[in-house]
Structures are given as C-alpha cells and as structure tokens.
Amino acid sequence: VGSIFTVEIPMNICTVSNFVENSYSSNKVDLKGLKILLAEDNDLNAEIAIYQLEEHEINVTRVCNGEEAVKIFNDNPPYTFDLILMDVMMPKMNGYEATNQIRSLINHPYSKSIPIIAMTANAFAEDVESSLAAGMNDHLSKPINVEEMVKTIVRNITK
C-alpha cells in the first residue's frame, strides 16, 4: 500500500540541427504499379487494405490463407510480386508458417529476398520479434493506418 517507484531513463535532448525526419507522406509517394500479394482471411480487413492500396494505384492479389499465399507465390514467375502483406493469424496455415515455407523454396530465386510484412493485431515487442524470427522483414499493427502502411512499404521496397 502506497509504494512509490522512480524510474530514471538517461536521454539526450534532440536539437533541430541533428534531427532527421524519416517521413513518407502517403500523398507524396508514388507506388503506382507496385504488385502486392495480400494474405488476409478476414473479408472486411482485406477490403479495407485493398481499398487503401488501390488508392495508391497498387495492384493487389488477395489470398485467404497461408497455403494459398505459398501456392500463388510459388506458381508465379519470379518478381510477379514486389512485396507480400501477410496476416499472421489465418486458417490452414498461419503467416509465420507461410513465410517460413516461402523462404524455404529453393527453386524460386525471389523467395529469400521478397519483402514480407506481418499484419497483426498483436503489437507487443515479442510479436514483432516473432515476425522477424519467422523471416518477415517488418511488422504492421492492426487496425492498419494508411500512413504507417505506406511508410512500411516504402521502407521495404527501397532497401
């Protein structure tokens, strides 16, 4: 009863002269013609994501589970897709398993390097770590914020 805790975090105050803003306004970025494979089992989430992506003139191919994501990626020629947005919690095969299988495809030259971005409602640090450990390149928290999605896409296609 009545415990008091003090936390001290050593920090440097950033001045304007050494601050570099890494911002990508969704209005300034041209993603026209980008080809994205969207793996999302929830119809409403998929509809919203597709609408947001198509507003930037991005071509979207949607699949409903991890098995379909692996099959569509593998059955298409290399570089058919520029990036994969992968829901984590899906039926038949979750996003972690699908990513692992895509990364394991030895006969597909783009399997190791295609950017795969996790999309999940789980936003804790350990969830981000799980995504990266599964072979994903980045992590987006749901509900998806269009500005954050654009920043994440740009960050991963310009590496």
C-alpha atoms as a PDB file:
ATOM      1  CA  VAL A   1       0.000   0.000   0.000  1.00  0.00           C
ATOM      2  CA  GLY A   2       1.430   3.350  -1.004  1.00  0.00           C
ATOM      3  CA  SER A   3       4.500   2.103  -2.901  1.00  0.00           C
ATOM      4  CA  ILE A   4       6.373   4.733  -4.869  1.00  0.00           C
ATOM      5  CA  PHE A   5       8.664   3.907  -7.762  1.00  0.00           C
ATOM      6  CA  THR A   6      11.124   6.186  -9.530  1.00  0.00           C
ATOM      7  CA  VAL A   7      12.412   5.360 -12.983  1.00  0.00           C
ATOM      8  CA  GLU A   8      15.299   7.294 -14.479  1.00  0.00           C
ATOM      9  CA  ILE A   9      15.929   6.973 -18.185  1.00  0.00           C
ATOM     10  CA  PRO A  10      19.082   8.675 -19.454  1.00  0.00           C
ATOM     11  CA  MET A  11      18.271  10.508 -22.676  1.00  0.00           C
ATOM     12  CA  ASN A  12      19.777  13.205 -24.842  1.00  0.00           C
ATOM     13  CA  ILE A  13      17.568  16.025 -25.974  1.00  0.00           C
ATOM     14  CA  CYS A  14      17.493  16.157 -29.741  1.00  0.00           C
ATOM     15  CA  THR A  15      18.050  19.540 -31.299  1.00  0.00           C
ATOM     16  CA  VAL A  16      16.589  20.570 -34.610  1.00  0.00           C
ATOM     17  CA  SER A  17      20.030  20.629 -36.234  1.00  0.00           C
ATOM     18  CA  ASN A  18      20.719  16.924 -35.654  1.00  0.00           C
ATOM     19  CA  PHE A  19      17.178  15.642 -36.145  1.00  0.00           C
ATOM     20  CA  VAL A  20      16.466  13.917 -39.441  1.00  0.00           C
ATOM     21  CA  GLU A  21      12.837  13.141 -40.061  1.00  0.00           C
ATOM     22  CA  ASN A  22      12.258   9.890 -41.917  1.00  0.00           C
ATOM     23  CA  SER A  23       8.787  10.605 -43.159  1.00  0.00           C
ATOM     24  CA  TYR A  24       6.949   9.404 -46.187  1.00  0.00           C
ATOM     25  CA  SER A  25       3.656  11.162 -46.627  1.00  0.00           C
ATOM     26  CA  SER A  26       1.225   8.879 -48.356  1.00  0.00           C
ATOM     27  CA  ASN A  27       0.331  11.821 -50.599  1.00  0.00           C
ATOM     28  CA  LYS A  28       3.943  12.309 -51.783  1.00  0.00           C
ATOM     29  CA  VAL A  29       4.921   8.718 -52.512  1.00  0.00           C
ATOM     30  CA  ASP A  30       4.313   7.204 -55.947  1.00  0.00           C
ATOM     31  CA  LEU A  31       3.600   3.499 -55.567  1.00  0.00           C
ATOM     32  CA  LYS A  32       1.756   3.234 -58.873  1.00  0.00           C
ATOM     33  CA  GLY A  33       2.110  -0.186 -60.440  1.00  0.00           C
ATOM     34  CA  LEU A  34       3.538  -1.884 -57.356  1.00  0.00           C
ATOM     35  CA  LYS A  35       2.366  -5.507 -57.155  1.00  0.00           C
ATOM     36  CA  ILE A  36       1.403  -6.807 -53.725  1.00  0.00           C
ATOM     37  CA  LEU A  37       0.286 -10.247 -52.618  1.00  0.00           C
ATOM     38  CA  LEU A  38      -2.150  -9.750 -49.723  1.00  0.00           C
ATOM     39  CA  ALA A  39      -2.725 -12.764 -47.471  1.00  0.00           C
ATOM     40  CA  GLU A  40      -5.737 -11.905 -45.296  1.00  0.00           C
ATOM     41  CA  ASP A  41      -8.537 -14.251 -44.237  1.00  0.00           C
ATOM     42  CA  ASN A  42     -10.901 -11.592 -42.856  1.00  0.00           C
ATOM     43  CA  ASP A  43     -13.035 -10.174 -45.681  1.00  0.00           C
ATOM     44  CA  LEU A  44     -13.546  -6.762 -44.064  1.00  0.00           C
ATOM     45  CA  ASN A  45      -9.844  -6.323 -43.250  1.00  0.00           C
ATOM     46  CA  ALA A  46      -8.966  -7.384 -46.799  1.00  0.00           C
ATOM     47  CA  GLU A  47     -11.493  -4.990 -48.310  1.00  0.00           C
ATOM     48  CA  ILE A  48     -10.105  -2.072 -46.289  1.00  0.00           C
ATOM     49  CA  ALA A  49      -6.483  -2.927 -47.118  1.00  0.00           C
ATOM     50  CA  ILE A  50      -7.263  -3.359 -50.823  1.00  0.00           C
ATOM     51  CA  TYR A  51      -9.099  -0.025 -50.905  1.00  0.00           C
ATOM     52  CA  GLN A  52      -6.169   1.751 -49.216  1.00  0.00           C
ATOM     53  CA  LEU A  53      -3.620   0.114 -51.512  1.00  0.00           C
ATOM     54  CA  GLU A  54      -5.610   0.754 -54.683  1.00  0.00           C
ATOM     55  CA  GLU A  55      -5.879   4.443 -53.706  1.00  0.00           C
ATOM     56  CA  HIS A  56      -2.116   4.474 -54.424  1.00  0.00           C
ATOM     57  CA  GLU A  57      -2.670   2.586 -57.697  1.00  0.00           C
ATOM     58  CA  ILE A  58      -1.090  -0.561 -56.283  1.00  0.00           C
ATOM     59  CA  ASN A  59      -2.076  -3.858 -57.902  1.00  0.00           C
ATOM     60  CA  VAL A  60      -3.322  -6.272 -55.243  1.00  0.00           C
ATOM     61  CA  THR A  61      -3.754 -10.036 -55.445  1.00  0.00           C
ATOM     62  CA  ARG A  62      -5.587 -11.364 -52.408  1.00  0.00           C
ATOM     63  CA  VAL A  63      -5.467 -14.861 -50.947  1.00  0.00           C
ATOM     64  CA  CYS A  64      -7.379 -16.081 -47.895  1.00  0.00           C
ATOM     65  CA  ASN A  65      -4.840 -18.232 -46.061  1.00  0.00           C
ATOM     66  CA  GLY A  66      -1.176 -19.113 -45.778  1.00  0.00           C
ATOM     67  CA  GLU A  67      -1.417 -22.186 -48.010  1.00  0.00           C
ATOM     68  CA  GLU A  68      -2.794 -20.072 -50.852  1.00  0.00           C
ATOM     69  CA  ALA A  69      -0.080 -17.456 -50.304  1.00  0.00           C
ATOM     70  CA  VAL A  70       2.680 -20.047 -50.666  1.00  0.00           C
ATOM     71  CA  LYS A  71       0.998 -21.638 -53.714  1.00  0.00           C
ATOM     72  CA  ILE A  72       0.353 -18.335 -55.560  1.00  0.00           C
ATOM     73  CA  PHE A  73       3.875 -17.084 -54.825  1.00  0.00           C
ATOM     74  CA  ASN A  74       5.468 -20.358 -55.939  1.00  0.00           C
ATOM     75  CA  ASP A  75       3.281 -20.828 -59.030  1.00  0.00           C
ATOM     76  CA  ASN A  76       4.086 -17.384 -60.438  1.00  0.00           C
ATOM     77  CA  PRO A  77       7.302 -16.331 -62.164  1.00  0.00           C
ATOM     78  CA  PRO A  78       9.936 -14.521 -60.093  1.00  0.00           C
ATOM     79  CA  TYR A  79       9.224 -10.822 -59.483  1.00  0.00           C
ATOM     80  CA  THR A  80       5.489 -11.193 -60.148  1.00  0.00           C
ATOM     81  CA  PHE A  81       5.034  -9.595 -56.725  1.00  0.00           C
ATOM     82  CA  ASP A  82       7.094  -6.769 -55.271  1.00  0.00           C
ATOM     83  CA  LEU A  83       6.011  -7.378 -51.676  1.00  0.00           C
ATOM     84  CA  ILE A  84       3.807  -9.623 -49.528  1.00  0.00           C
ATOM     85  CA  LEU A  85       1.493  -8.348 -46.796  1.00  0.00           C
ATOM     86  CA  MET A  86       0.971 -11.381 -44.564  1.00  0.00           C
ATOM     87  CA  ASP A  87      -1.698 -11.673 -41.893  1.00  0.00           C
ATOM     88  CA  VAL A  88      -0.335 -13.696 -39.001  1.00  0.00           C
ATOM     89  CA  MET A  89      -3.482 -15.477 -37.788  1.00  0.00           C
ATOM     90  CA  MET A  90      -5.033 -17.364 -40.717  1.00  0.00           C
ATOM     91  CA  PRO A  91      -6.694 -20.750 -41.177  1.00  0.00           C
ATOM     92  CA  LYS A  92      -4.975 -23.755 -42.754  1.00  0.00           C
ATOM     93  CA  MET A  93      -1.515 -22.175 -42.392  1.00  0.00           C
ATOM     94  CA  ASN A  94      -0.663 -19.114 -40.323  1.00  0.00           C
ATOM     95  CA  GLY A  95       1.515 -16.259 -41.546  1.00  0.00           C
ATOM     96  CA  TYR A  96       4.621 -17.462 -39.720  1.00  0.00           C
ATOM     97  CA  GLU A  97       4.393 -20.917 -41.312  1.00  0.00           C
ATOM     98  CA  ALA A  98       3.642 -19.450 -44.752  1.00  0.00           C
ATOM     99  CA  THR A  99       6.621 -17.103 -44.502  1.00  0.00           C
ATOM    100  CA  ASN A 100       8.843 -19.977 -43.432  1.00  0.00           C
ATOM    101  CA  GLN A 101       7.706 -22.055 -46.423  1.00  0.00           C
ATOM    102  CA  ILE A 102       8.183 -19.159 -48.857  1.00  0.00           C
ATOM    103  CA  ARG A 103      11.688 -18.537 -47.515  1.00  0.00           C
ATOM    104  CA  SER A 104      12.423 -22.280 -47.888  1.00  0.00           C
ATOM    105  CA  LEU A 105      11.534 -22.503 -51.600  1.00  0.00           C
ATOM    106  CA  ILE A 106      14.813 -23.480 -53.230  1.00  0.00           C
ATOM    107  CA  ASN A 107      13.620 -23.318 -56.843  1.00  0.00           C
ATOM    108  CA  HIS A 108      12.262 -19.761 -56.589  1.00  0.00           C
ATOM    109  CA  PRO A 109      15.009 -17.126 -56.923  1.00  0.00           C
ATOM    110  CA  TYR A 110      12.975 -14.410 -55.164  1.00  0.00           C
ATOM    111  CA  SER A 111      11.896 -16.499 -52.147  1.00  0.00           C
ATOM    112  CA  LYS A 112      14.690 -15.330 -49.872  1.00  0.00           C
ATOM    113  CA  SER A 113      14.558 -11.636 -50.774  1.00  0.00           C
ATOM    114  CA  ILE A 114      10.920 -10.659 -51.359  1.00  0.00           C
ATOM    115  CA  PRO A 115       9.857  -8.281 -48.587  1.00  0.00           C
ATOM    116  CA  ILE A 116       7.226  -9.879 -46.341  1.00  0.00           C
ATOM    117  CA  ILE A 117       5.408  -7.622 -43.893  1.00  0.00           C
ATOM    118  CA  ALA A 118       3.414  -9.054 -40.992  1.00  0.00           C
ATOM    119  CA  MET A 119      -0.051  -7.633 -40.373  1.00  0.00           C
ATOM    120  CA  THR A 120      -1.450  -8.465 -36.970  1.00  0.00           C
ATOM    121  CA  ALA A 121      -3.450  -7.100 -34.081  1.00  0.00           C
ATOM    122  CA  ASN A 122      -0.633  -8.321 -31.818  1.00  0.00           C
ATOM    123  CA  ALA A 123       1.630  -5.316 -31.386  1.00  0.00           C
ATOM    124  CA  PHE A 124       3.872  -6.162 -28.434  1.00  0.00           C
ATOM    125  CA  ALA A 125       7.660  -6.235 -28.821  1.00  0.00           C
ATOM    126  CA  GLU A 126       7.645 -10.039 -28.647  1.00  0.00           C
ATOM    127  CA  ASP A 127       5.146 -10.137 -31.544  1.00  0.00           C
ATOM    128  CA  VAL A 128       7.467  -8.016 -33.663  1.00  0.00           C
ATOM    129  CA  GLU A 129      10.356 -10.296 -32.690  1.00  0.00           C
ATOM    130  CA  SER A 130       8.297 -13.372 -33.634  1.00  0.00           C
ATOM    131  CA  SER A 131       7.582 -11.866 -37.046  1.00  0.00           C
ATOM    132  CA  LEU A 132      11.241 -11.138 -37.674  1.00  0.00           C
ATOM    133  CA  ALA A 133      12.277 -14.579 -36.381  1.00  0.00           C
ATOM    134  CA  ALA A 134       9.832 -16.185 -38.832  1.00  0.00           C
ATOM    135  CA  GLY A 135      11.625 -14.469 -41.723  1.00  0.00           C
ATOM    136  CA  MET A 136       9.389 -11.439 -42.141  1.00  0.00           C
ATOM    137  CA  ASN A 137      11.012  -8.095 -42.870  1.00  0.00           C
ATOM    138  CA  ASP A 138       8.676  -5.804 -40.952  1.00  0.00           C
ATOM    139  CA  HIS A 139       5.528  -5.597 -38.842  1.00  0.00           C
ATOM    140  CA  LEU A 140       2.286  -3.606 -39.132  1.00  0.00           C
ATOM    141  CA  SER A 141      -0.239  -3.449 -36.317  1.00  0.00           C
ATOM    142  CA  LYS A 142      -3.955  -3.663 -36.992  1.00  0.00           C
ATOM    143  CA  PRO A 143      -6.065  -1.712 -37.444  1.00  0.00           C
ATOM    144  CA  ILE A 144      -3.902  -0.630 -40.339  1.00  0.00           C
ATOM    145  CA  ASN A 145      -3.081   3.061 -40.523  1.00  0.00           C
ATOM    146  CA  VAL A 146      -2.637   4.032 -44.189  1.00  0.00           C
ATOM    147  CA  GLU A 147       0.262   6.435 -43.471  1.00  0.00           C
ATOM    148  CA  GLU A 148       2.110   3.775 -41.486  1.00  0.00           C
ATOM    149  CA  MET A 149       1.400   1.146 -44.157  1.00  0.00           C
ATOM    150  CA  VAL A 150       2.828   3.400 -46.888  1.00  0.00           C
ATOM    151  CA  LYS A 151       5.919   4.181 -44.784  1.00  0.00           C
ATOM    152  CA  THR A 152       6.461   0.476 -44.141  1.00  0.00           C
ATOM    153  CA  ILE A 153       6.021  -0.464 -47.804  1.00  0.00           C
ATOM    154  CA  VAL A 154       8.407   2.271 -48.968  1.00  0.00           C
ATOM    155  CA  ARG A 155      10.976   1.329 -46.317  1.00  0.00           C
ATOM    156  CA  ASN A 156      10.936  -2.286 -47.508  1.00  0.00           C
ATOM    157  CA  ILE A 157      10.932  -1.784 -51.271  1.00  0.00           C
ATOM    158  CA  THR A 158      13.786   0.721 -51.177  1.00  0.00           C
ATOM    159  CA  LYS A 159      16.258  -1.427 -49.206  1.00  0.00           C
END
